[in-house]
PDB file of all heavy atoms in Angstrom:
ATOM      1  N   LEU A   1      98.504  98.244 114.532  1.00  0.00           N
ATOM      2  CA  LEU A   1      99.189  97.281 115.283  1.00  0.00           C
ATOM      3  C   LEU A   1      99.740  96.115 114.188  1.00  0.00           C
ATOM      4  O   LEU A   1     100.840  95.694 114.295  1.00  0.00           O
ATOM      5  CB  LEU A   1      98.377  96.566 116.353  1.00  0.00           C
ATOM      6  CG  LEU A   1      99.050  95.523 117.151  1.00  0.00           C
ATOM      7  CD1 LEU A   1     100.439  96.106 117.841  1.00  0.00           C
ATOM      8  CD2 LEU A   1      98.139  94.921 118.316  1.00  0.00           C
ATOM      9  N   THR A   2      98.852  95.742 113.222  1.00  0.00           N
ATOM     10  CA  THR A   2      99.154  94.820 112.226  1.00  0.00           C
ATOM     11  C   THR A   2     100.419  95.402 111.394  1.00  0.00           C
ATOM     12  O   THR A   2     101.361  94.552 111.125  1.00  0.00           O
ATOM     13  CB  THR A   2      98.062  94.468 111.359  1.00  0.00           C
ATOM     14  OG1 THR A   2      97.145  93.858 112.100  1.00  0.00           O
ATOM     15  CG2 THR A   2      98.444  93.542 110.231  1.00  0.00           C
ATOM     16  N   THR A   3     100.258  96.622 111.095  1.00  0.00           N
ATOM     17  CA  THR A   3     101.393  97.190 110.262  1.00  0.00           C
ATOM     18  C   THR A   3     102.658  97.312 111.006  1.00  0.00           C
ATOM     19  O   THR A   3     103.750  96.992 110.570  1.00  0.00           O
ATOM     20  CB  THR A   3     100.920  98.613 109.843  1.00  0.00           C
ATOM     21  OG1 THR A   3      99.744  98.560 108.982  1.00  0.00           O
ATOM     22  CG2 THR A   3     102.074  99.282 109.080  1.00  0.00           C
ATOM     23  N   TRP A   4     102.490  97.723 112.371  1.00  0.00           N
ATOM     24  CA  TRP A   4     103.731  97.790 113.121  1.00  0.00           C
ATOM     25  C   TRP A   4     104.380  96.411 113.262  1.00  0.00           C
ATOM     26  O   TRP A   4     105.654  96.337 113.130  1.00  0.00           O
ATOM     27  CB  TRP A   4     103.473  98.290 114.519  1.00  0.00           C
ATOM     28  CG  TRP A   4     104.665  98.795 115.159  1.00  0.00           C
ATOM     29  CD1 TRP A   4     105.272  99.974 115.068  1.00  0.00           C
ATOM     30  CD2 TRP A   4     105.366  98.137 116.113  1.00  0.00           C
ATOM     31  NE1 TRP A   4     106.467 100.086 115.837  1.00  0.00           N
ATOM     32  CE2 TRP A   4     106.589  98.792 116.608  1.00  0.00           C
ATOM     33  CE3 TRP A   4     105.384  96.695 116.698  1.00  0.00           C
ATOM     34  CZ2 TRP A   4     107.388  98.514 117.430  1.00  0.00           C
ATOM     35  CZ3 TRP A   4     106.337  96.340 117.547  1.00  0.00           C
ATOM     36  CH2 TRP A   4     107.364  97.194 117.890  1.00  0.00           C
ATOM     37  N   LEU A   5     103.715  95.365 113.548  1.00  0.00           N
ATOM     38  CA  LEU A   5     104.261  94.082 113.729  1.00  0.00           C
ATOM     39  C   LEU A   5     104.739  93.502 112.384  1.00  0.00           C
ATOM     40  O   LEU A   5     105.613  92.456 112.316  1.00  0.00           O
ATOM     41  CB  LEU A   5     103.236  93.140 114.301  1.00  0.00           C
ATOM     42  CG  LEU A   5     102.947  93.380 115.740  1.00  0.00           C
ATOM     43  CD1 LEU A   5     101.638  92.536 116.158  1.00  0.00           C
ATOM     44  CD2 LEU A   5     104.092  93.125 116.727  1.00  0.00           C
ATOM     45  N   THR A   6     104.233  93.938 111.221  1.00  0.00           N
ATOM     46  CA  THR A   6     104.655  93.482 109.870  1.00  0.00           C
ATOM     47  C   THR A   6     105.911  94.054 109.280  1.00  0.00           C
ATOM     48  O   THR A   6     106.549  93.593 108.600  1.00  0.00           O
ATOM     49  CB  THR A   6     103.481  93.636 108.899  1.00  0.00           C
ATOM     50  OG1 THR A   6     102.362  92.942 109.594  1.00  0.00           O
ATOM     51  CG2 THR A   6     103.765  93.066 107.608  1.00  0.00           C
ATOM     52  N   ASP A   7     105.970  95.368 109.767  1.00  0.00           N
ATOM     53  CA  ASP A   7     107.159  96.204 109.180  1.00  0.00           C
ATOM     54  C   ASP A   7     108.422  96.094 110.015  1.00  0.00           C
ATOM     55  O   ASP A   7     108.661  96.825 111.013  1.00  0.00           O
ATOM     56  CB  ASP A   7     106.785  97.689 109.073  1.00  0.00           C
ATOM     57  CG  ASP A   7     105.733  97.919 107.932  1.00  0.00           C
ATOM     58  OD1 ASP A   7     105.543  97.122 107.151  1.00  0.00           O
ATOM     59  OD2 ASP A   7     105.049  98.977 107.992  1.00  0.00           O
ATOM     60  N   ALA A   8     109.144  95.057 109.876  1.00  0.00           N
ATOM     61  CA  ALA A   8     110.326  94.685 110.616  1.00  0.00           C
ATOM     62  C   ALA A   8     111.237  95.895 110.782  1.00  0.00           C
ATOM     63  O   ALA A   8     112.005  95.921 111.703  1.00  0.00           O
ATOM     64  CB  ALA A   8     110.929  93.494 110.150  1.00  0.00           C
ATOM     65  N   HIS A   9     111.350  96.762 109.890  1.00  0.00           N
ATOM     66  CA  HIS A   9     112.235  97.864 109.826  1.00  0.00           C
ATOM     67  C   HIS A   9     112.071  98.703 110.968  1.00  0.00           C
ATOM     68  O   HIS A   9     113.006  99.701 111.343  1.00  0.00           O
ATOM     69  CB  HIS A   9     112.325  98.591 108.488  1.00  0.00           C
ATOM     70  CG  HIS A   9     111.015  99.281 108.218  1.00  0.00           C
ATOM     71  ND1 HIS A   9     109.939  98.790 107.735  1.00  0.00           N
ATOM     72  CD2 HIS A   9     110.815 100.650 108.519  1.00  0.00           C
ATOM     73  CE1 HIS A   9     108.966  99.751 107.589  1.00  0.00           C
ATOM     74  NE2 HIS A   9     109.377 100.837 108.174  1.00  0.00           N
ATOM     75  N   ASN A  10     110.902  98.806 111.543  1.00  0.00           N
ATOM     76  CA  ASN A  10     110.729  99.763 112.694  1.00  0.00           C
ATOM     77  C   ASN A  10     110.948  99.175 114.124  1.00  0.00           C
ATOM     78  O   ASN A  10     110.617  99.780 115.091  1.00  0.00           O
ATOM     79  CB  ASN A  10     109.156 100.274 112.530  1.00  0.00           C
ATOM     80  CG  ASN A  10     108.121  99.267 112.722  1.00  0.00           C
ATOM     81  OD1 ASN A  10     108.497  98.099 113.216  1.00  0.00           O
ATOM     82  ND2 ASN A  10     107.003  99.488 112.525  1.00  0.00           N
ATOM     83  N   TYR A  11     111.371  97.920 114.172  1.00  0.00           N
ATOM     84  CA  TYR A  11     111.751  97.320 115.518  1.00  0.00           C
ATOM     85  C   TYR A  11     113.039  97.800 116.000  1.00  0.00           C
ATOM     86  O   TYR A  11     113.998  98.033 115.290  1.00  0.00           O
ATOM     87  CB  TYR A  11     111.924  95.787 115.365  1.00  0.00           C
ATOM     88  CG  TYR A  11     110.605  94.966 114.998  1.00  0.00           C
ATOM     89  CD1 TYR A  11     110.646  93.813 114.214  1.00  0.00           C
ATOM     90  CD2 TYR A  11     109.366  95.270 115.444  1.00  0.00           C
ATOM     91  CE1 TYR A  11     109.511  93.231 113.855  1.00  0.00           C
ATOM     92  CE2 TYR A  11     108.164  94.717 115.161  1.00  0.00           C
ATOM     93  CZ  TYR A  11     108.326  93.551 114.290  1.00  0.00           C
ATOM     94  OH  TYR A  11     107.130  92.900 114.006  1.00  0.00           O
ATOM     95  N   PRO A  12     113.135  97.963 117.329  1.00  0.00           N
ATOM     96  CA  PRO A  12     114.473  97.982 117.972  1.00  0.00           C
ATOM     97  C   PRO A  12     115.320  96.893 117.590  1.00  0.00           C
ATOM     98  O   PRO A  12     114.781  95.695 117.410  1.00  0.00           O
ATOM     99  CB  PRO A  12     114.059  98.122 119.429  1.00  0.00           C
ATOM    100  CG  PRO A  12     112.632  98.481 119.539  1.00  0.00           C
ATOM    101  CD  PRO A  12     112.047  97.994 118.328  1.00  0.00           C
ATOM    102  N   GLY A  13     116.571  96.883 117.752  1.00  0.00           N
ATOM    103  CA  GLY A  13     117.506  95.804 117.381  1.00  0.00           C
ATOM    104  C   GLY A  13     117.147  94.633 118.174  1.00  0.00           C
ATOM    105  O   GLY A  13     117.219  93.482 117.617  1.00  0.00           O
ATOM    106  N   GLU A  14     116.717  94.694 119.383  1.00  0.00           N
ATOM    107  CA  GLU A  14     116.527  93.481 120.321  1.00  0.00           C
ATOM    108  C   GLU A  14     115.146  92.703 119.750  1.00  0.00           C
ATOM    109  O   GLU A  14     114.972  91.596 120.101  1.00  0.00           O
ATOM    110  CB  GLU A  14     116.052  93.960 121.722  1.00  0.00           C
ATOM    111  CG  GLU A  14     117.242  94.600 122.434  1.00  0.00           C
ATOM    112  CD  GLU A  14     117.274  96.092 122.095  1.00  0.00           C
ATOM    113  OE1 GLU A  14     116.543  96.640 121.367  1.00  0.00           O
ATOM    114  OE2 GLU A  14     118.215  96.790 122.632  1.00  0.00           O
ATOM    115  N   MET A  15     114.450  93.374 118.849  1.00  0.00           N
ATOM    116  CA  MET A  15     113.128  92.750 118.374  1.00  0.00           C
ATOM    117  C   MET A  15     113.343  92.346 116.909  1.00  0.00           C
ATOM    118  O   MET A  15     112.291  92.471 116.141  1.00  0.00           O
ATOM    119  CB  MET A  15     112.065  93.698 118.496  1.00  0.00           C
ATOM    120  CG  MET A  15     111.614  94.047 119.865  1.00  0.00           C
ATOM    121  SD  MET A  15     110.254  95.106 120.150  1.00  0.00           S
ATOM    122  CE  MET A  15     108.944  94.512 119.140  1.00  0.00           C
ATOM    123  N   ASP A  16     114.593  92.042 116.401  1.00  0.00           N
ATOM    124  CA  ASP A  16     114.804  91.686 114.939  1.00  0.00           C
ATOM    125  C   ASP A  16     114.265  90.249 114.778  1.00  0.00           C
ATOM    126  O   ASP A  16     115.020  89.240 114.896  1.00  0.00           O
ATOM    127  CB  ASP A  16     116.244  91.948 114.708  1.00  0.00           C
ATOM    128  CG  ASP A  16     116.562  91.843 113.197  1.00  0.00           C
ATOM    129  OD1 ASP A  16     115.540  91.876 112.395  1.00  0.00           O
ATOM    130  OD2 ASP A  16     117.639  91.595 112.799  1.00  0.00           O
ATOM    131  N   PHE A  17     113.109  90.129 114.380  1.00  0.00           N
ATOM    132  CA  PHE A  17     112.589  88.782 114.236  1.00  0.00           C
ATOM    133  C   PHE A  17     111.450  88.878 113.036  1.00  0.00           C
ATOM    134  O   PHE A  17     111.016  90.107 112.684  1.00  0.00           O
ATOM    135  CB  PHE A  17     112.035  88.229 115.365  1.00  0.00           C
ATOM    136  CG  PHE A  17     110.808  88.936 115.961  1.00  0.00           C
ATOM    137  CD1 PHE A  17     109.417  88.671 115.514  1.00  0.00           C
ATOM    138  CD2 PHE A  17     110.994  89.875 116.923  1.00  0.00           C
ATOM    139  CE1 PHE A  17     108.395  89.409 116.261  1.00  0.00           C
ATOM    140  CE2 PHE A  17     110.053  90.561 117.530  1.00  0.00           C
ATOM    141  CZ  PHE A  17     108.617  90.251 117.132  1.00  0.00           C
ATOM    142  N   TYR A  18     111.079  87.790 112.438  1.00  0.00           N
ATOM    143  CA  TYR A  18     109.948  87.850 111.435  1.00  0.00           C
ATOM    144  C   TYR A  18     108.861  87.026 111.871  1.00  0.00           C
ATOM    145  O   TYR A  18     109.060  85.891 112.525  1.00  0.00           O
ATOM    146  CB  TYR A  18     110.559  87.147 110.229  1.00  0.00           C
ATOM    147  CG  TYR A  18     109.522  87.075 109.154  1.00  0.00           C
ATOM    148  CD1 TYR A  18     109.138  88.130 108.217  1.00  0.00           C
ATOM    149  CD2 TYR A  18     108.931  85.894 108.842  1.00  0.00           C
ATOM    150  CE1 TYR A  18     108.228  88.001 107.286  1.00  0.00           C
ATOM    151  CE2 TYR A  18     107.988  85.592 107.836  1.00  0.00           C
ATOM    152  CZ  TYR A  18     107.574  86.761 107.098  1.00  0.00           C
ATOM    153  OH  TYR A  18     106.531  86.624 106.161  1.00  0.00           O
ATOM    154  N   LEU A  19     107.562  87.554 111.541  1.00  0.00           N
ATOM    155  CA  LEU A  19     106.372  86.847 111.959  1.00  0.00           C
ATOM    156  C   LEU A  19     105.670  86.513 110.691  1.00  0.00           C
ATOM    157  O   LEU A  19     105.584  87.366 109.852  1.00  0.00           O
ATOM    158  CB  LEU A  19     105.559  87.642 112.826  1.00  0.00           C
ATOM    159  CG  LEU A  19     105.961  88.083 114.186  1.00  0.00           C
ATOM    160  CD1 LEU A  19     105.074  89.014 115.024  1.00  0.00           C
ATOM    161  CD2 LEU A  19     106.083  86.703 115.091  1.00  0.00           C
ATOM    162  N   GLU A  20     105.138  85.319 110.591  1.00  0.00           N
ATOM    163  CA  GLU A  20     104.373  84.909 109.417  1.00  0.00           C
ATOM    164  C   GLU A  20     103.108  85.658 109.581  1.00  0.00           C
ATOM    165  O   GLU A  20     102.663  86.066 110.675  1.00  0.00           O
ATOM    166  CB  GLU A  20     104.015  83.382 109.524  1.00  0.00           C
ATOM    167  CG  GLU A  20     105.316  82.517 109.317  1.00  0.00           C
ATOM    168  CD  GLU A  20     105.833  82.632 107.720  1.00  0.00           C
ATOM    169  OE1 GLU A  20     104.973  82.955 106.797  1.00  0.00           O
ATOM    170  OE2 GLU A  20     107.057  82.438 107.608  1.00  0.00           O
ATOM    171  N   PRO A  21     102.293  85.834 108.392  1.00  0.00           N
ATOM    172  CA  PRO A  21     101.048  86.618 108.561  1.00  0.00           C
ATOM    173  C   PRO A  21      99.982  86.058 109.447  1.00  0.00           C
ATOM    174  O   PRO A  21      99.326  86.814 110.275  1.00  0.00           O
ATOM    175  CB  PRO A  21     100.446  86.566 107.109  1.00  0.00           C
ATOM    176  CG  PRO A  21     101.726  86.494 106.188  1.00  0.00           C
ATOM    177  CD  PRO A  21     102.761  85.667 107.103  1.00  0.00           C
ATOM    178  N   ASP A  22      99.983  84.723 109.667  1.00  0.00           N
ATOM    179  CA  ASP A  22      98.991  84.229 110.508  1.00  0.00           C
ATOM    180  C   ASP A  22      99.417  84.496 112.080  1.00  0.00           C
ATOM    181  O   ASP A  22      98.664  84.452 112.837  1.00  0.00           O
ATOM    182  CB  ASP A  22      98.720  82.629 110.367  1.00  0.00           C
ATOM    183  CG  ASP A  22      99.927  81.952 110.517  1.00  0.00           C
ATOM    184  OD1 ASP A  22     101.033  82.215 110.086  1.00  0.00           O
ATOM    185  OD2 ASP A  22      99.898  80.684 110.966  1.00  0.00           O
ATOM    186  N   GLU A  23     100.661  84.362 112.214  1.00  0.00           N
ATOM    187  CA  GLU A  23     101.226  84.737 113.624  1.00  0.00           C
ATOM    188  C   GLU A  23     100.984  86.119 114.006  1.00  0.00           C
ATOM    189  O   GLU A  23     100.639  86.415 115.119  1.00  0.00           O
ATOM    190  CB  GLU A  23     102.655  84.503 113.726  1.00  0.00           C
ATOM    191  CG  GLU A  23     103.230  82.973 113.504  1.00  0.00           C
ATOM    192  CD  GLU A  23     104.547  82.801 113.331  1.00  0.00           C
ATOM    193  OE1 GLU A  23     105.338  83.582 112.575  1.00  0.00           O
ATOM    194  OE2 GLU A  23     105.103  81.877 113.830  1.00  0.00           O
ATOM    195  N   VAL A  24     101.144  87.110 113.033  1.00  0.00           N
ATOM    196  CA  VAL A  24     100.688  88.547 113.186  1.00  0.00           C
ATOM    197  C   VAL A  24      99.258  88.596 113.620  1.00  0.00           C
ATOM    198  O   VAL A  24      98.950  89.201 114.703  1.00  0.00           O
ATOM    199  CB  VAL A  24     101.067  89.430 112.014  1.00  0.00           C
ATOM    200  CG1 VAL A  24     100.437  90.836 112.294  1.00  0.00           C
ATOM    201  CG2 VAL A  24     102.554  89.467 111.856  1.00  0.00           C
ATOM    202  N   GLY A  25      98.427  87.972 112.891  1.00  0.00           N
ATOM    203  CA  GLY A  25      97.008  87.983 113.080  1.00  0.00           C
ATOM    204  C   GLY A  25      96.738  87.461 114.510  1.00  0.00           C
ATOM    205  O   GLY A  25      95.764  88.068 115.314  1.00  0.00           O
ATOM    206  N   GLN A  26      97.221  86.282 114.876  1.00  0.00           N
ATOM    207  CA  GLN A  26      97.022  85.806 116.301  1.00  0.00           C
ATOM    208  C   GLN A  26      97.583  86.670 117.298  1.00  0.00           C
ATOM    209  O   GLN A  26      96.927  86.820 118.318  1.00  0.00           O
ATOM    210  CB  GLN A  26      97.649  84.296 116.290  1.00  0.00           C
ATOM    211  CG  GLN A  26      97.186  83.287 115.511  1.00  0.00           C
ATOM    212  CD  GLN A  26      97.960  82.014 115.430  1.00  0.00           C
ATOM    213  OE1 GLN A  26      98.848  81.913 116.285  1.00  0.00           O
ATOM    214  NE2 GLN A  26      97.781  81.255 114.445  1.00  0.00           N
ATOM    215  N   LEU A  27      98.682  87.216 117.138  1.00  0.00           N
ATOM    216  CA  LEU A  27      99.324  88.190 118.050  1.00  0.00           C
ATOM    217  C   LEU A  27      98.406  89.344 118.283  1.00  0.00           C
ATOM    218  O   LEU A  27      98.069  89.814 119.389  1.00  0.00           O
ATOM    219  CB  LEU A  27     100.728  88.478 117.736  1.00  0.00           C
ATOM    220  CG  LEU A  27     101.482  89.473 118.742  1.00  0.00           C
ATOM    221  CD1 LEU A  27     101.445  88.845 120.131  1.00  0.00           C
ATOM    222  CD2 LEU A  27     102.870  89.615 118.189  1.00  0.00           C
ATOM    223  N   VAL A  28      97.973  89.986 117.192  1.00  0.00           N
ATOM    224  CA  VAL A  28      97.042  91.111 117.257  1.00  0.00           C
ATOM    225  C   VAL A  28      95.738  90.826 117.912  1.00  0.00           C
ATOM    226  O   VAL A  28      95.303  91.470 118.759  1.00  0.00           O
ATOM    227  CB  VAL A  28      96.798  91.660 115.778  1.00  0.00           C
ATOM    228  CG1 VAL A  28      95.635  92.785 115.806  1.00  0.00           C
ATOM    229  CG2 VAL A  28      98.080  92.394 115.104  1.00  0.00           C
ATOM    230  N   ASP A  29      95.230  89.680 117.477  1.00  0.00           N
ATOM    231  CA  ASP A  29      93.803  89.168 118.155  1.00  0.00           C
ATOM    232  C   ASP A  29      94.177  89.225 119.750  1.00  0.00           C
ATOM    233  O   ASP A  29      93.295  89.578 120.571  1.00  0.00           O
ATOM    234  CB  ASP A  29      93.489  87.847 117.617  1.00  0.00           C
ATOM    235  CG  ASP A  29      92.885  87.852 116.218  1.00  0.00           C
ATOM    236  OD1 ASP A  29      92.618  88.971 115.779  1.00  0.00           O
ATOM    237  OD2 ASP A  29      92.789  86.781 115.612  1.00  0.00           O
ATOM    238  N   TYR A  30      95.240  88.461 120.202  1.00  0.00           N
ATOM    239  CA  TYR A  30      95.484  88.433 121.617  1.00  0.00           C
ATOM    240  C   TYR A  30      95.616  89.715 122.257  1.00  0.00           C
ATOM    241  O   TYR A  30      95.031  90.182 123.212  1.00  0.00           O
ATOM    242  CB  TYR A  30      96.617  87.559 121.994  1.00  0.00           C
ATOM    243  CG  TYR A  30      96.956  87.563 123.491  1.00  0.00           C
ATOM    244  CD1 TYR A  30      96.032  87.033 124.232  1.00  0.00           C
ATOM    245  CD2 TYR A  30      98.030  88.176 123.981  1.00  0.00           C
ATOM    246  CE1 TYR A  30      96.273  87.052 125.688  1.00  0.00           C
ATOM    247  CE2 TYR A  30      98.352  88.335 125.144  1.00  0.00           C
ATOM    248  CZ  TYR A  30      97.505  87.721 126.108  1.00  0.00           C
ATOM    249  OH  TYR A  30      97.729  87.894 127.459  1.00  0.00           O
ATOM    250  N   MET A  31      96.477  90.519 121.615  1.00  0.00           N
ATOM    251  CA  MET A  31      96.755  91.869 122.269  1.00  0.00           C
ATOM    252  C   MET A  31      95.574  92.749 122.308  1.00  0.00           C
ATOM    253  O   MET A  31      95.349  93.572 123.298  1.00  0.00           O
ATOM    254  CB  MET A  31      97.937  92.649 121.395  1.00  0.00           C
ATOM    255  CG  MET A  31      99.322  92.086 121.679  1.00  0.00           C
ATOM    256  SD  MET A  31     100.528  92.753 120.867  1.00  0.00           S
ATOM    257  CE  MET A  31     100.804  94.307 121.881  1.00  0.00           C
ATOM    258  N   LEU A  32      94.712  92.584 121.400  1.00  0.00           N
ATOM    259  CA  LEU A  32      93.332  93.463 121.467  1.00  0.00           C
ATOM    260  C   LEU A  32      92.495  92.992 122.590  1.00  0.00           C
ATOM    261  O   LEU A  32      91.692  93.703 122.981  1.00  0.00           O
ATOM    262  CB  LEU A  32      92.728  93.484 120.172  1.00  0.00           C
ATOM    263  CG  LEU A  32      93.551  94.247 118.981  1.00  0.00           C
ATOM    264  CD1 LEU A  32      92.763  94.333 117.727  1.00  0.00           C
ATOM    265  CD2 LEU A  32      93.745  95.727 119.487  1.00  0.00           C
ATOM    266  N   THR A  33      92.644  91.792 122.942  1.00  0.00           N
ATOM    267  CA  THR A  33      91.902  91.345 124.191  1.00  0.00           C
ATOM    268  C   THR A  33      92.213  92.061 125.330  1.00  0.00           C
ATOM    269  O   THR A  33      91.578  91.903 126.419  1.00  0.00           O
ATOM    270  CB  THR A  33      91.971  89.706 124.467  1.00  0.00           C
ATOM    271  OG1 THR A  33      93.205  89.470 124.894  1.00  0.00           O
ATOM    272  CG2 THR A  33      91.443  88.938 123.236  1.00  0.00           C
ATOM    273  N   LEU A  34      93.383  92.536 125.455  1.00  0.00           N
ATOM    274  CA  LEU A  34      93.959  93.211 126.699  1.00  0.00           C
ATOM    275  C   LEU A  34      93.401  94.702 126.782  1.00  0.00           C
ATOM    276  O   LEU A  34      93.720  95.421 127.788  1.00  0.00           O
ATOM    277  CB  LEU A  34      95.487  93.326 126.656  1.00  0.00           C
ATOM    278  CG  LEU A  34      96.158  91.948 126.662  1.00  0.00           C
ATOM    279  CD1 LEU A  34      97.626  92.057 126.378  1.00  0.00           C
ATOM    280  CD2 LEU A  34      95.872  91.218 127.909  1.00  0.00           C
ATOM    281  N   ARG A  35      92.674  95.141 125.735  1.00  0.00           N
ATOM    282  CA  ARG A  35      92.133  96.638 125.771  1.00  0.00           C
ATOM    283  C   ARG A  35      91.051  96.633 126.960  1.00  0.00           C
ATOM    284  O   ARG A  35      90.210  95.763 127.192  1.00  0.00           O
ATOM    285  CB  ARG A  35      91.487  96.942 124.408  1.00  0.00           C
ATOM    286  CG  ARG A  35      92.478  96.939 123.382  1.00  0.00           C
ATOM    287  CD  ARG A  35      91.925  97.539 122.175  1.00  0.00           C
ATOM    288  NE  ARG A  35      92.544  98.954 122.069  1.00  0.00           N
ATOM    289  CZ  ARG A  35      92.458  99.598 121.019  1.00  0.00           C
ATOM    290  NH1 ARG A  35      91.763  99.170 120.074  1.00  0.00           N
ATOM    291  NH2 ARG A  35      93.195 100.769 120.961  1.00  0.00           N
ATOM    292  N   ARG A  36      91.058  97.768 127.662  1.00  0.00           N
ATOM    293  CA  ARG A  36      90.128  98.083 128.677  1.00  0.00           C
ATOM    294  C   ARG A  36      89.583  99.560 128.523  1.00  0.00           C
ATOM    295  O   ARG A  36      90.314 100.373 128.185  1.00  0.00           O
ATOM    296  CB  ARG A  36      90.805  98.163 130.058  1.00  0.00           C
ATOM    297  CG  ARG A  36      91.479  96.619 130.396  1.00  0.00           C
ATOM    298  CD  ARG A  36      90.453  95.540 130.622  1.00  0.00           C
ATOM    299  NE  ARG A  36      91.003  94.177 130.900  1.00  0.00           N
ATOM    300  CZ  ARG A  36      91.247  93.302 129.991  1.00  0.00           C
ATOM    301  NH1 ARG A  36      90.978  93.514 128.724  1.00  0.00           N
ATOM    302  NH2 ARG A  36      91.699  92.111 130.327  1.00  0.00           N
ATOM    303  N   GLU A  37      88.211  99.636 128.710  1.00  0.00           N
ATOM    304  CA  GLU A  37      87.685 101.033 128.594  1.00  0.00           C
ATOM    305  C   GLU A  37      88.191 101.766 129.765  1.00  0.00           C
ATOM    306  O   GLU A  37      88.408 101.292 130.893  1.00  0.00           O
ATOM    307  CB  GLU A  37      86.198 100.795 128.771  1.00  0.00           C
ATOM    308  CG  GLU A  37      85.398 102.122 128.586  1.00  0.00           C
ATOM    309  CD  GLU A  37      83.960 101.938 128.439  1.00  0.00           C
ATOM    310  OE1 GLU A  37      83.468 101.032 127.859  1.00  0.00           O
ATOM    311  OE2 GLU A  37      83.281 102.943 128.931  1.00  0.00           O
ATOM    312  N   ASN A  38      88.628 102.986 129.592  1.00  0.00           N
ATOM    313  CA  ASN A  38      89.076 103.919 130.555  1.00  0.00           C
ATOM    314  C   ASN A  38      90.393 103.316 131.240  1.00  0.00           C
ATOM    315  O   ASN A  38      90.594 103.509 132.370  1.00  0.00           O
ATOM    316  CB  ASN A  38      88.038 104.265 131.762  1.00  0.00           C
ATOM    317  CG  ASN A  38      86.896 104.852 131.089  1.00  0.00           C
ATOM    318  OD1 ASN A  38      86.981 105.872 130.306  1.00  0.00           O
ATOM    319  ND2 ASN A  38      85.573 104.361 131.449  1.00  0.00           N
TER     320      ASN A  38
END
């Protein structure tokens, strides 16, 4: 997830933006709280 959010070349055109490394970390941390078993 960190790699995907850091490699801007893989975004669809609508998602053409840049995130600072600390923003990537915060976003990854939040998104991983959404994980659920099964």
